[in-house]
Amino acid sequence: MDFSSFVARRGSENGAKTVVCHKHDGERKRMLSLLSEFSKYSLAELSYKALF
């Protein structure tokens, strides 16, 4: 499940106001996970994952 659908699902469960919080928090977590995966992947692979 991609993150945007997760945000939409959580938002509908918890009320519309929480969507922004979950989205912002998720973007931060996504960046942290990309950074943590940096050691496992080449730069080209990370760039591909970030774009697609």
C-alpha atoms as a PDB file:
ATOM      1  CA  MET A   1       0.000   0.000   0.000  1.00  0.00           C
ATOM      2  CA  ASP A   2       1.504   3.332  -0.971  1.00  0.00           C
ATOM      3  CA  PHE A   3       1.647   6.172   1.500  1.00  0.00           C
ATOM      4  CA  SER A   4      -0.988   8.450  -0.028  1.00  0.00           C
ATOM      5  CA  SER A   5      -3.645   5.754   0.264  1.00  0.00           C
ATOM      6  CA  PHE A   6      -2.533   5.131   3.855  1.00  0.00           C
ATOM      7  CA  VAL A   7      -2.981   8.835   4.620  1.00  0.00           C
ATOM      8  CA  ALA A   8      -6.423   8.893   3.018  1.00  0.00           C
ATOM      9  CA  ARG A   9      -7.499   5.812   4.974  1.00  0.00           C
ATOM     10  CA  ARG A  10      -6.178   7.143   8.280  1.00  0.00           C
ATOM     11  CA  GLY A  11      -7.763  10.521   7.599  1.00  0.00           C
ATOM     12  CA  SER A  12     -11.166   9.005   6.991  1.00  0.00           C
ATOM     13  CA  GLU A  13     -10.868   6.963  10.194  1.00  0.00           C
ATOM     14  CA  ASN A  14      -9.708   9.796  12.428  1.00  0.00           C
ATOM     15  CA  GLY A  15     -11.359  12.834  10.907  1.00  0.00           C
ATOM     16  CA  ALA A  16     -10.277  15.184   8.154  1.00  0.00           C
ATOM     17  CA  LYS A  17      -8.077  17.374  10.370  1.00  0.00           C
ATOM     18  CA  THR A  18      -5.571  14.583  10.997  1.00  0.00           C
ATOM     19  CA  VAL A  19      -4.766  14.067   7.308  1.00  0.00           C
ATOM     20  CA  VAL A  20      -2.246  16.904   7.256  1.00  0.00           C
ATOM     21  CA  CYS A  21      -0.471  15.643  10.361  1.00  0.00           C
ATOM     22  CA  HIS A  22      -0.209  12.094   9.061  1.00  0.00           C
ATOM     23  CA  LYS A  23       0.961  13.298   5.674  1.00  0.00           C
ATOM     24  CA  HIS A  24       3.658  15.527   7.159  1.00  0.00           C
ATOM     25  CA  ASP A  25       4.794  12.835   9.571  1.00  0.00           C
ATOM     26  CA  GLY A  26       4.838  10.282   6.787  1.00  0.00           C
ATOM     27  CA  GLU A  27       6.953  12.463   4.522  1.00  0.00           C
ATOM     28  CA  ARG A  28       9.494  12.782   7.326  1.00  0.00           C
ATOM     29  CA  LYS A  29       9.492   9.026   7.904  1.00  0.00           C
ATOM     30  CA  ARG A  30       9.816   8.394   4.179  1.00  0.00           C
ATOM     31  CA  MET A  31      12.897  10.628   4.006  1.00  0.00           C
ATOM     32  CA  LEU A  32      14.384   8.875   7.033  1.00  0.00           C
ATOM     33  CA  SER A  33      13.753   5.471   5.497  1.00  0.00           C
ATOM     34  CA  LEU A  34      15.367   6.595   2.235  1.00  0.00           C
ATOM     35  CA  LEU A  35      18.394   7.744   4.232  1.00  0.00           C
ATOM     36  CA  SER A  36      18.571   4.477   6.153  1.00  0.00           C
ATOM     37  CA  GLU A  37      18.338   2.493   2.909  1.00  0.00           C
ATOM     38  CA  PHE A  38      21.168   4.523   1.395  1.00  0.00           C
ATOM     39  CA  SER A  39      23.736   2.096   2.768  1.00  0.00           C
ATOM     40  CA  LYS A  40      21.929  -0.826   1.103  1.00  0.00           C
ATOM     41  CA  TYR A  41      21.453   0.649  -2.356  1.00  0.00           C
ATOM     42  CA  SER A  42      23.505   2.484  -4.925  1.00  0.00           C
ATOM     43  CA  LEU A  43      22.694   6.133  -5.596  1.00  0.00           C
ATOM     44  CA  ALA A  44      21.095   5.221  -8.919  1.00  0.00           C
ATOM     45  CA  GLU A  45      18.765   2.725  -7.245  1.00  0.00           C
ATOM     46  CA  LEU A  46      17.797   5.278  -4.579  1.00  0.00           C
ATOM     47  CA  SER A  47      17.096   7.913  -7.223  1.00  0.00           C
ATOM     48  CA  TYR A  48      14.877   5.453  -9.078  1.00  0.00           C
ATOM     49  CA  LYS A  49      12.982   4.578  -5.891  1.00  0.00           C
ATOM     50  CA  ALA A  50      12.509   8.255  -5.041  1.00  0.00           C
ATOM     51  CA  LEU A  51      11.163   9.066  -8.498  1.00  0.00           C
ATOM     52  CA  PHE A  52       8.962   5.993  -8.889  1.00  0.00           C
END
